[in-house]
């Protein structure tokens, strides 16, 4: 049974391949990041607006005026 030993050069080669792949993925995803950020901001705004309306309805008093 022959065991293959891992050398420093093997590790460096694999890490450089991984870094290259990550760099390509980052470059491919870069144009979509501003759109994702805008979408997230709009979603947070809408959720805050809806929660504000709900809290406003709960805290507002209902006044009935009847004519005698």
C-alpha atoms as a PDB file:
ATOM      1  CA  UNK A   1       0.000   0.000   0.000  1.00  0.00           C
ATOM      2  CA  UNK A   2       1.631   3.167  -1.169  1.00  0.00           C
ATOM      3  CA  UNK A   3       0.519   6.343   0.574  1.00  0.00           C
ATOM      4  CA  UNK A   4       0.678   9.619  -1.317  1.00  0.00           C
ATOM      5  CA  UNK A   5       2.129  12.358   0.826  1.00  0.00           C
ATOM      6  CA  UNK A   6       0.746  15.852   0.525  1.00  0.00           C
ATOM      7  CA  UNK A   7       3.441  18.416  -0.034  1.00  0.00           C
ATOM      8  CA  UNK A   8       3.437  22.155   0.545  1.00  0.00           C
ATOM      9  CA  UNK A   9       3.437  22.685  -3.204  1.00  0.00           C
ATOM     10  CA  UNK A  10       0.271  20.569  -3.578  1.00  0.00           C
ATOM     11  CA  UNK A  11      -1.463  22.665  -0.938  1.00  0.00           C
ATOM     12  CA  UNK A  12      -0.370  25.938  -2.533  1.00  0.00           C
ATOM     13  CA  UNK A  13      -1.643  24.778  -5.909  1.00  0.00           C
ATOM     14  CA  UNK A  14      -5.049  23.773  -4.541  1.00  0.00           C
ATOM     15  CA  UNK A  15      -5.429  27.005  -2.547  1.00  0.00           C
ATOM     16  CA  UNK A  16      -4.583  29.092  -5.597  1.00  0.00           C
ATOM     17  CA  UNK A  17      -7.227  27.183  -7.586  1.00  0.00           C
ATOM     18  CA  UNK A  18      -9.791  27.840  -4.857  1.00  0.00           C
ATOM     19  CA  UNK A  19      -8.916  31.529  -4.685  1.00  0.00           C
ATOM     20  CA  UNK A  20      -9.247  31.816  -8.454  1.00  0.00           C
ATOM     21  CA  UNK A  21     -12.697  30.223  -8.354  1.00  0.00           C
ATOM     22  CA  UNK A  22     -13.844  32.494  -5.554  1.00  0.00           C
ATOM     23  CA  UNK A  23     -12.595  35.547  -7.428  1.00  0.00           C
ATOM     24  CA  UNK A  24     -14.588  34.555 -10.504  1.00  0.00           C
ATOM     25  CA  UNK A  25     -17.719  33.976  -8.431  1.00  0.00           C
ATOM     26  CA  UNK A  26     -17.292  37.357  -6.734  1.00  0.00           C
ATOM     27  CA  UNK A  27     -16.879  39.107 -10.070  1.00  0.00           C
ATOM     28  CA  UNK A  28     -19.974  37.393 -11.446  1.00  0.00           C
ATOM     29  CA  UNK A  29     -22.095  38.367  -8.415  1.00  0.00           C
ATOM     30  CA  UNK A  30     -20.857  41.973  -8.176  1.00  0.00           C
ATOM     31  CA  UNK A  31     -23.438  43.535 -10.575  1.00  0.00           C
ATOM     32  CA  UNK A  32     -26.331  41.947  -8.651  1.00  0.00           C
ATOM     33  CA  UNK A  33     -25.300  43.291  -5.232  1.00  0.00           C
ATOM     34  CA  UNK A  34     -26.729  46.824  -5.642  1.00  0.00           C
ATOM     35  CA  UNK A  35     -30.050  45.405  -6.818  1.00  0.00           C
ATOM     36  CA  UNK A  36     -30.183  43.051  -3.832  1.00  0.00           C
ATOM     37  CA  UNK A  37     -29.383  45.911  -1.452  1.00  0.00           C
ATOM     38  CA  UNK A  38     -32.118  48.118  -2.949  1.00  0.00           C
ATOM     39  CA  UNK A  39     -34.630  45.271  -2.766  1.00  0.00           C
ATOM     40  CA  UNK A  40     -33.749  44.604   0.865  1.00  0.00           C
ATOM     41  CA  UNK A  41     -34.080  48.308   1.702  1.00  0.00           C
ATOM     42  CA  UNK A  42     -37.501  48.532   0.056  1.00  0.00           C
ATOM     43  CA  UNK A  43     -38.649  45.398   1.884  1.00  0.00           C
ATOM     44  CA  UNK A  44     -37.527  46.817   5.251  1.00  0.00           C
ATOM     45  CA  UNK A  45     -39.282  50.104   4.486  1.00  0.00           C
ATOM     46  CA  UNK A  46     -42.563  48.378   3.589  1.00  0.00           C
ATOM     47  CA  UNK A  47     -42.481  46.153   6.676  1.00  0.00           C
ATOM     48  CA  UNK A  48     -41.818  49.199   8.882  1.00  0.00           C
ATOM     49  CA  UNK A  49     -44.639  51.112   7.221  1.00  0.00           C
ATOM     50  CA  UNK A  50     -47.113  48.270   7.713  1.00  0.00           C
ATOM     51  CA  UNK A  51     -46.088  47.790  11.342  1.00  0.00           C
ATOM     52  CA  UNK A  52     -46.480  51.521  11.921  1.00  0.00           C
ATOM     53  CA  UNK A  53     -50.007  51.497  10.532  1.00  0.00           C
ATOM     54  CA  UNK A  54     -50.887  48.524  12.736  1.00  0.00           C
ATOM     55  CA  UNK A  55     -49.516  50.163  15.884  1.00  0.00           C
ATOM     56  CA  UNK A  56     -51.313  53.400  14.994  1.00  0.00           C
ATOM     57  CA  UNK A  57     -54.631  51.595  14.713  1.00  0.00           C
ATOM     58  CA  UNK A  58     -54.142  49.869  18.057  1.00  0.00           C
ATOM     59  CA  UNK A  59     -53.280  53.064  19.934  1.00  0.00           C
ATOM     60  CA  UNK A  60     -55.876  55.363  18.415  1.00  0.00           C
ATOM     61  CA  UNK A  61     -59.058  56.038  20.314  1.00  0.00           C
ATOM     62  CA  UNK A  62     -62.460  55.542  18.745  1.00  0.00           C
ATOM     63  CA  UNK A  63     -64.824  58.395  19.583  1.00  0.00           C
ATOM     64  CA  UNK A  64     -68.531  58.116  18.840  1.00  0.00           C
ATOM     65  CA  UNK A  65     -70.618  61.236  18.673  1.00  0.00           C
ATOM     66  CA  UNK A  66     -74.327  60.719  19.117  1.00  0.00           C
ATOM     67  CA  UNK A  67     -77.001  63.333  18.809  1.00  0.00           C
ATOM     68  CA  UNK A  68     -79.366  63.648  21.754  1.00  0.00           C
END
